Amino acid sequence: MMFFLGLQHSMTKERLKEIRRLEKEISTLKEMVMEKDLTIKMQQELIKKSIAK
């Protein structure tokens, strides 16, 4: 039974706070990736248009 002592699955206030912080960070990172993808797509379109001229 000693190996179960380190496994605490209860939801403490500290864990809930950390989960919320991580969820906010994930959301921010997802937004940053979407903005970067949009920037890349816009740059690719500009390159296509400049080559077509």
PDB file of N, CA and C in Angstrom:
ATOM      1  N   MET A   1       0.806  -1.213   0.000  1.00  0.00           N
ATOM      2  CA  MET A   1       0.000   0.000   0.000  1.00  0.00           C
ATOM      3  C   MET A   1       0.848   1.275   0.000  1.00  0.00           C
ATOM      4  N   MET A   2       2.122   1.167   0.194  1.00  0.00           N
ATOM      5  CA  MET A   2       2.988   2.344   0.257  1.00  0.00           C
ATOM      6  C   MET A   2       3.012   3.118  -1.056  1.00  0.00           C
ATOM      7  N   PHE A   3       2.862   2.441  -2.182  1.00  0.00           N
ATOM      8  CA  PHE A   3       2.966   3.125  -3.466  1.00  0.00           C
ATOM      9  C   PHE A   3       1.770   4.008  -3.759  1.00  0.00           C
ATOM     10  N   PHE A   4       0.685   3.905  -3.005  1.00  0.00           N
ATOM     11  CA  PHE A   4      -0.491   4.745  -3.224  1.00  0.00           C
ATOM     12  C   PHE A   4      -0.399   6.086  -2.495  1.00  0.00           C
ATOM     13  N   LEU A   5       0.565   6.228  -1.609  1.00  0.00           N
ATOM     14  CA  LEU A   5       0.655   7.452  -0.817  1.00  0.00           C
ATOM     15  C   LEU A   5       0.918   8.685  -1.672  1.00  0.00           C
ATOM     16  N   GLY A   6       1.648   8.544  -2.751  1.00  0.00           N
ATOM     17  CA  GLY A   6       1.958   9.688  -3.599  1.00  0.00           C
ATOM     18  C   GLY A   6       0.862  10.041  -4.586  1.00  0.00           C
ATOM     19  N   LEU A   7      -0.154   9.230  -4.678  1.00  0.00           N
ATOM     20  CA  LEU A   7      -1.232   9.462  -5.639  1.00  0.00           C
ATOM     21  C   LEU A   7      -2.430  10.084  -4.943  1.00  0.00           C
ATOM     22  N   GLN A   8      -2.505  11.380  -4.988  1.00  0.00           N
ATOM     23  CA  GLN A   8      -3.645  12.088  -4.422  1.00  0.00           C
ATOM     24  C   GLN A   8      -4.431  12.686  -5.570  1.00  0.00           C
ATOM     25  N   HIS A   9      -5.651  12.234  -5.736  1.00  0.00           N
ATOM     26  CA  HIS A   9      -6.460  12.677  -6.872  1.00  0.00           C
ATOM     27  C   HIS A   9      -7.546  13.666  -6.463  1.00  0.00           C
ATOM     28  N   SER A  10      -7.466  14.157  -5.235  1.00  0.00           N
ATOM     29  CA  SER A  10      -8.477  15.115  -4.809  1.00  0.00           C
ATOM     30  C   SER A  10      -8.209  16.468  -5.458  1.00  0.00           C
ATOM     31  N   MET A  11      -9.268  17.210  -5.697  1.00  0.00           N
ATOM     32  CA  MET A  11      -9.159  18.511  -6.344  1.00  0.00           C
ATOM     33  C   MET A  11      -9.048  19.573  -5.256  1.00  0.00           C
ATOM     34  N   THR A  12      -7.849  20.037  -5.037  1.00  0.00           N
ATOM     35  CA  THR A  12      -7.641  21.088  -4.045  1.00  0.00           C
ATOM     36  C   THR A  12      -7.778  22.451  -4.709  1.00  0.00           C
ATOM     37  N   LYS A  13      -7.891  23.469  -3.892  1.00  0.00           N
ATOM     38  CA  LYS A  13      -7.989  24.829  -4.429  1.00  0.00           C
ATOM     39  C   LYS A  13      -6.742  25.181  -5.229  1.00  0.00           C
ATOM     40  N   GLU A  14      -5.582  24.718  -4.739  1.00  0.00           N
ATOM     41  CA  GLU A  14      -4.333  25.018  -5.429  1.00  0.00           C
ATOM     42  C   GLU A  14      -4.286  24.349  -6.801  1.00  0.00           C
ATOM     43  N   ARG A  15      -4.720  23.092  -6.849  1.00  0.00           N
ATOM     44  CA  ARG A  15      -4.731  22.385  -8.137  1.00  0.00           C
ATOM     45  C   ARG A  15      -5.712  23.023  -9.104  1.00  0.00           C
ATOM     46  N   LEU A  16      -6.874  23.402  -8.616  1.00  0.00           N
ATOM     47  CA  LEU A  16      -7.863  24.042  -9.469  1.00  0.00           C
ATOM     48  C   LEU A  16      -7.338  25.366 -10.004  1.00  0.00           C
ATOM     49  N   LYS A  17      -6.653  26.119  -9.142  1.00  0.00           N
ATOM     50  CA  LYS A  17      -6.063  27.394  -9.575  1.00  0.00           C
ATOM     51  C   LYS A  17      -5.010  27.157 -10.651  1.00  0.00           C
ATOM     52  N   GLU A  18      -4.183  26.135 -10.465  1.00  0.00           N
ATOM     53  CA  GLU A  18      -3.145  25.811 -11.446  1.00  0.00           C
ATOM     54  C   GLU A  18      -3.769  25.352 -12.765  1.00  0.00           C
ATOM     55  N   ILE A  19      -4.811  24.557 -12.698  1.00  0.00           N
ATOM     56  CA  ILE A  19      -5.506  24.105 -13.913  1.00  0.00           C
ATOM     57  C   ILE A  19      -6.052  25.301 -14.678  1.00  0.00           C
ATOM     58  N   ARG A  20      -6.673  26.217 -13.980  1.00  0.00           N
ATOM     59  CA  ARG A  20      -7.219  27.415 -14.641  1.00  0.00           C
ATOM     60  C   ARG A  20      -6.114  28.250 -15.276  1.00  0.00           C
ATOM     61  N   ARG A  21      -4.983  28.370 -14.570  1.00  0.00           N
ATOM     62  CA  ARG A  21      -3.852  29.129 -15.110  1.00  0.00           C
ATOM     63  C   ARG A  21      -3.326  28.475 -16.384  1.00  0.00           C
ATOM     64  N   LEU A  22      -3.223  27.148 -16.344  1.00  0.00           N
ATOM     65  CA  LEU A  22      -2.730  26.425 -17.521  1.00  0.00           C
ATOM     66  C   LEU A  22      -3.715  26.513 -18.685  1.00  0.00           C
ATOM     67  N   GLU A  23      -5.015  26.449 -18.394  1.00  0.00           N
ATOM     68  CA  GLU A  23      -6.012  26.574 -19.452  1.00  0.00           C
ATOM     69  C   GLU A  23      -5.925  27.948 -20.112  1.00  0.00           C
ATOM     70  N   LYS A  24      -5.713  28.981 -19.310  1.00  0.00           N
ATOM     71  CA  LYS A  24      -5.568  30.340 -19.860  1.00  0.00           C
ATOM     72  C   LYS A  24      -4.313  30.435 -20.720  1.00  0.00           C
ATOM     73  N   GLU A  25      -3.228  29.827 -20.250  1.00  0.00           N
ATOM     74  CA  GLU A  25      -1.981  29.839 -21.013  1.00  0.00           C
ATOM     75  C   GLU A  25      -2.149  29.100 -22.338  1.00  0.00           C
ATOM     76  N   ILE A  26      -2.823  27.967 -22.314  1.00  0.00           N
ATOM     77  CA  ILE A  26      -3.072  27.197 -23.536  1.00  0.00           C
ATOM     78  C   ILE A  26      -3.896  28.027 -24.515  1.00  0.00           C
ATOM     79  N   SER A  27      -4.902  28.692 -24.008  1.00  0.00           N
ATOM     80  CA  SER A  27      -5.743  29.535 -24.864  1.00  0.00           C
ATOM     81  C   SER A  27      -4.920  30.649 -25.515  1.00  0.00           C
ATOM     82  N   THR A  28      -4.068  31.277 -24.746  1.00  0.00           N
ATOM     83  CA  THR A  28      -3.205  32.336 -25.267  1.00  0.00           C
ATOM     84  C   THR A  28      -2.265  31.788 -26.337  1.00  0.00           C
ATOM     85  N   LEU A  29      -1.681  30.628 -26.078  1.00  0.00           N
ATOM     86  CA  LEU A  29      -0.764  30.025 -27.050  1.00  0.00           C
ATOM     87  C   LEU A  29      -1.488  29.636 -28.338  1.00  0.00           C
ATOM     88  N   LYS A  30      -2.700  29.114 -28.223  1.00  0.00           N
ATOM     89  CA  LYS A  30      -3.481  28.768 -29.416  1.00  0.00           C
ATOM     90  C   LYS A  30      -3.757  30.007 -30.249  1.00  0.00           C
ATOM     91  N   GLU A  31      -4.093  31.105 -29.577  1.00  0.00           N
ATOM     92  CA  GLU A  31      -4.354  32.360 -30.290  1.00  0.00           C
ATOM     93  C   GLU A  31      -3.094  32.847 -31.007  1.00  0.00           C
ATOM     94  N   MET A  32      -1.951  32.717 -30.346  1.00  0.00           N
ATOM     95  CA  MET A  32      -0.690  33.133 -30.962  1.00  0.00           C
ATOM     96  C   MET A  32      -0.386  32.287 -32.203  1.00  0.00           C
ATOM     97  N   VAL A  33      -0.646  30.997 -32.143  1.00  0.00           N
ATOM     98  CA  VAL A  33      -0.413  30.119 -33.290  1.00  0.00           C
ATOM     99  C   VAL A  33      -1.343  30.496 -34.439  1.00  0.00           C
ATOM    100  N   MET A  34      -2.609  30.773 -34.128  1.00  0.00           N
ATOM    101  CA  MET A  34      -3.553  31.170 -35.183  1.00  0.00           C
ATOM    102  C   MET A  34      -3.109  32.468 -35.850  1.00  0.00           C
ATOM    103  N   GLU A  35      -2.642  33.430 -35.065  1.00  0.00           N
ATOM    104  CA  GLU A  35      -2.172  34.695 -35.627  1.00  0.00           C
ATOM    105  C   GLU A  35      -0.943  34.476 -36.501  1.00  0.00           C
ATOM    106  N   LYS A  36      -0.049  33.622 -36.066  1.00  0.00           N
ATOM    107  CA  LYS A  36       1.155  33.329 -36.848  1.00  0.00           C
ATOM    108  C   LYS A  36       0.781  32.651 -38.163  1.00  0.00           C
ATOM    109  N   ASP A  37      -0.157  31.694 -38.101  1.00  0.00           N
ATOM    110  CA  ASP A  37      -0.622  31.026 -39.321  1.00  0.00           C
ATOM    111  C   ASP A  37      -1.236  32.028 -40.292  1.00  0.00           C
ATOM    112  N   LEU A  38      -2.017  32.949 -39.777  1.00  0.00           N
ATOM    113  CA  LEU A  38      -2.635  33.966 -40.634  1.00  0.00           C
ATOM    114  C   LEU A  38      -1.564  34.850 -41.277  1.00  0.00           C
ATOM    115  N   THR A  39      -0.569  35.222 -40.507  1.00  0.00           N
ATOM    116  CA  THR A  39       0.526  36.034 -41.040  1.00  0.00           C
ATOM    117  C   THR A  39       1.248  35.303 -42.167  1.00  0.00           C
ATOM    118  N   ILE A  40       1.522  34.037 -41.963  1.00  0.00           N
ATOM    119  CA  ILE A  40       2.203  33.236 -42.987  1.00  0.00           C
ATOM    120  C   ILE A  40       1.352  33.148 -44.250  1.00  0.00           C
ATOM    121  N   LYS A  41       0.060  32.904 -44.102  1.00  0.00           N
ATOM    122  CA  LYS A  41      -0.833  32.816 -45.268  1.00  0.00           C
ATOM    123  C   LYS A  41      -0.878  34.138 -46.020  1.00  0.00           C
ATOM    124  N   MET A  42      -0.921  35.243 -45.277  1.00  0.00           N
ATOM    125  CA  MET A  42      -0.948  36.553 -45.927  1.00  0.00           C
ATOM    126  C   MET A  42       0.356  36.802 -46.678  1.00  0.00           C
ATOM    127  N   GLN A  43       1.481  36.424 -46.090  1.00  0.00           N
ATOM    128  CA  GLN A  43       2.769  36.596 -46.758  1.00  0.00           C
ATOM    129  C   GLN A  43       2.849  35.738 -48.012  1.00  0.00           C
ATOM    130  N   GLN A  44       2.341  34.522 -47.939  1.00  0.00           N
ATOM    131  CA  GLN A  44       2.344  33.649 -49.116  1.00  0.00           C
ATOM    132  C   GLN A  44       1.501  34.241 -50.238  1.00  0.00           C
ATOM    133  N   GLU A  45       0.362  34.814 -49.906  1.00  0.00           N
ATOM    134  CA  GLU A  45      -0.487  35.442 -50.919  1.00  0.00           C
ATOM    135  C   GLU A  45       0.218  36.638 -51.551  1.00  0.00           C
ATOM    136  N   LEU A  46       0.887  37.429 -50.737  1.00  0.00           N
ATOM    137  CA  LEU A  46       1.622  38.583 -51.279  1.00  0.00           C
ATOM    138  C   LEU A  46       2.735  38.135 -52.218  1.00  0.00           C
ATOM    139  N   ILE A  47       3.408  37.064 -51.855  1.00  0.00           N
ATOM    140  CA  ILE A  47       4.479  36.537 -52.713  1.00  0.00           C
ATOM    141  C   ILE A  47       3.901  36.054 -54.042  1.00  0.00           C
ATOM    142  N   LYS A  48       2.771  35.342 -53.965  1.00  0.00           N
ATOM    143  CA  LYS A  48       2.122  34.851 -55.204  1.00  0.00           C
ATOM    144  C   LYS A  48       1.742  36.008 -56.108  1.00  0.00           C
ATOM    145  N   LYS A  49       1.186  37.086 -55.508  1.00  0.00           N
ATOM    146  CA  LYS A  49       0.752  38.238 -56.295  1.00  0.00           C
ATOM    147  C   LYS A  49       1.955  38.967 -56.904  1.00  0.00           C
ATOM    148  N   SER A  50       3.035  39.071 -56.152  1.00  0.00           N
ATOM    149  CA  SER A  50       4.202  39.769 -56.685  1.00  0.00           C
ATOM    150  C   SER A  50       4.884  38.978 -57.775  1.00  0.00           C
ATOM    151  N   ILE A  51       4.823  37.659 -57.701  1.00  0.00           N
ATOM    152  CA  ILE A  51       5.417  36.813 -58.743  1.00  0.00           C
ATOM    153  C   ILE A  51       4.551  36.858 -60.009  1.00  0.00           C
ATOM    154  N   ALA A  52       3.250  36.945 -59.838  1.00  0.00           N
ATOM    155  CA  ALA A  52       2.329  36.948 -60.974  1.00  0.00           C
ATOM    156  C   ALA A  52       2.436  38.215 -61.803  1.00  0.00           C
ATOM    157  N   LYS A  53       2.953  39.286 -61.256  1.00  0.00           N
ATOM    158  CA  LYS A  53       3.035  40.568 -61.992  1.00  0.00           C
ATOM    159  C   LYS A  53       4.071  40.549 -63.059  1.00  0.00           C
TER     160      LYS A  53
END
